[in-house]
Amino acid sequence: MKYINSKKVDNIRLTKGNFYVLIDFDRTLTKGNSISGWRVLYYSNLLGDDFTRRYDEIHDKHNETWECRFKAYMDLLHEKNLDNQLIKEAVKKTDLELRDGAQEFSNSDIKEKYF
């Protein structure tokens, strides 16, 4: 991934056993009446009006592929220098709800960390 500091990566041996990316792009992990994982930062309003405006611009480009949109979203998020504390605050400010079994599926303590 292009945003990982190369000096740090040199000291880490990533394998399929110690690294994974979990993305809720199709509500696989969130309940139907919940906002999606993608929208937590959007609806929390913690990143300001510029973030919301630019997110909407990306979202409204119907002629772009999902790959192009995803890259644009990731570039925008990278600019905002996210950290765990901000993500925790965003989750607390929104109505994000995980589906039954999502925590077990992810094999992690996501719910305990962020809720």
Protein backbone atom coordinates (compact mmCIF):
# COMPACT_ATOMS: atom_id res chain seq x y z
CA MET A 1 0.00 0.00 0.00
CA LYS A 2 1.45 3.32 -0.97
CA TYR A 3 0.72 5.11 2.34
CA ILE A 4 2.74 2.82 4.58
CA ASN A 5 6.04 4.30 5.67
CA SER A 6 8.69 2.25 3.89
CA LYS A 7 11.07 2.39 6.87
CA LYS A 8 8.44 0.76 9.07
CA VAL A 9 7.58 -1.83 6.44
CA ASP A 10 11.21 -2.91 6.22
CA ASN A 11 10.95 -4.05 9.86
CA ILE A 12 7.65 -5.89 9.43
CA ARG A 13 7.16 -9.23 7.75
CA LEU A 14 3.54 -9.16 6.60
CA THR A 15 1.93 -12.48 5.84
CA LYS A 16 -1.62 -13.69 5.31
CA GLY A 17 -1.52 -14.74 8.95
CA ASN A 18 -0.74 -11.33 10.47
CA PHE A 19 -2.29 -8.78 8.11
CA TYR A 20 -5.76 -8.22 6.71
CA VAL A 21 -7.95 -5.40 5.47
CA LEU A 22 -11.60 -5.40 6.41
CA ILE A 23 -13.85 -3.15 4.31
CA ASP A 24 -17.63 -2.88 4.65
CA PHE A 25 -18.37 -1.62 1.14
CA ASP A 26 -21.54 -3.65 0.67
CA ARG A 27 -22.94 -3.81 4.24
CA THR A 28 -21.64 -7.31 4.79
CA LEU A 29 -20.67 -6.36 8.33
CA THR A 30 -23.17 -3.63 9.23
CA LYS A 31 -26.89 -4.04 9.86
CA GLY A 32 -29.35 -2.91 7.21
CA ASN A 33 -30.72 -0.05 9.34
CA SER A 34 -27.21 1.12 10.26
CA ILE A 35 -24.97 3.44 8.33
CA SER A 36 -22.21 1.63 6.49
CA GLY A 37 -18.66 1.54 7.72
CA TRP A 38 -17.72 3.89 4.88
CA ARG A 39 -20.08 6.58 6.16
CA VAL A 40 -18.99 6.70 9.81
CA LEU A 41 -16.48 9.50 9.24
CA TYR A 42 -18.87 11.30 6.90
CA TYR A 43 -21.80 11.43 9.33
CA SER A 44 -19.70 12.10 12.41
CA ASN A 45 -18.80 15.56 11.07
CA LEU A 46 -15.40 15.29 12.78
CA LEU A 47 -13.41 15.98 9.60
CA GLY A 48 -15.13 19.22 8.64
CA ASP A 49 -17.12 20.58 5.72
CA ASP A 50 -14.23 20.21 3.27
CA PHE A 51 -14.16 16.46 3.86
CA THR A 52 -17.94 16.17 3.41
CA ARG A 53 -17.91 18.24 0.21
CA ARG A 54 -15.04 16.30 -1.33
CA TYR A 55 -16.55 12.95 -0.29
CA ASP A 56 -19.80 13.94 -2.02
CA GLU A 57 -17.90 14.96 -5.16
CA ILE A 58 -16.24 11.55 -5.29
CA HIS A 59 -19.51 9.74 -4.57
CA ASP A 60 -21.44 11.63 -7.25
CA LYS A 61 -19.05 10.78 -10.10
CA HIS A 62 -21.20 8.09 -11.71
CA ASN A 63 -18.87 7.51 -14.64
CA GLU A 64 -15.94 6.33 -12.51
CA THR A 65 -15.20 2.72 -11.68
CA TRP A 66 -15.27 1.47 -8.10
CA GLU A 67 -11.49 1.22 -8.27
CA CYS A 68 -11.19 4.92 -9.14
CA ARG A 69 -13.65 5.89 -6.40
CA PHE A 70 -11.91 3.73 -3.83
CA LYS A 71 -8.55 5.29 -4.65
CA ALA A 72 -10.04 8.80 -4.43
CA TYR A 73 -11.66 7.97 -1.05
CA MET A 74 -8.39 6.55 0.25
CA ASP A 75 -6.44 9.61 -0.93
CA LEU A 76 -8.94 11.86 0.86
CA LEU A 77 -8.74 9.82 4.07
CA HIS A 78 -4.95 9.82 3.90
CA GLU A 79 -4.93 13.63 3.74
CA LYS A 80 -6.90 13.76 7.00
CA ASN A 81 -4.27 11.84 9.02
CA LEU A 82 -6.75 9.54 10.72
CA ASP A 83 -5.90 7.89 14.00
CA ASN A 84 -7.65 5.39 16.27
CA GLN A 85 -8.98 8.07 18.62
CA LEU A 86 -10.74 9.93 15.81
CA ILE A 87 -12.26 6.71 14.49
CA LYS A 88 -13.49 5.79 17.99
CA GLU A 89 -15.10 9.22 18.35
CA ALA A 90 -16.73 8.92 14.93
CA VAL A 91 -18.24 5.52 15.75
CA LYS A 92 -19.61 6.85 19.06
CA LYS A 93 -21.26 9.81 17.27
CA THR A 94 -23.05 7.65 14.71
CA ASP A 95 -25.53 4.76 14.66
CA LEU A 96 -23.14 2.16 13.27
CA GLU A 97 -24.31 -1.34 14.21
CA LEU A 98 -22.55 -4.56 13.31
CA ARG A 99 -24.52 -7.56 12.07
CA ASP A 100 -24.82 -10.57 14.34
CA GLY A 101 -21.66 -12.62 13.90
CA ALA A 102 -19.62 -9.80 12.32
CA GLN A 103 -17.24 -9.64 15.25
CA GLU A 104 -16.66 -13.37 15.16
CA PHE A 105 -16.24 -13.20 11.38
CA SER A 106 -13.50 -10.61 11.70
CA ASN A 107 -11.84 -12.67 14.43
CA SER A 108 -10.94 -9.49 16.28
CA ASP A 109 -12.08 -7.22 19.06
CA ILE A 110 -13.40 -4.44 16.79
CA LYS A 111 -16.58 -3.97 18.79
CA GLU A 112 -14.73 -3.74 22.11
CA LYS A 113 -12.15 -1.32 20.67
CA TYR A 114 -14.59 1.06 19.04
CA PHE A 115 -17.94 0.77 20.86
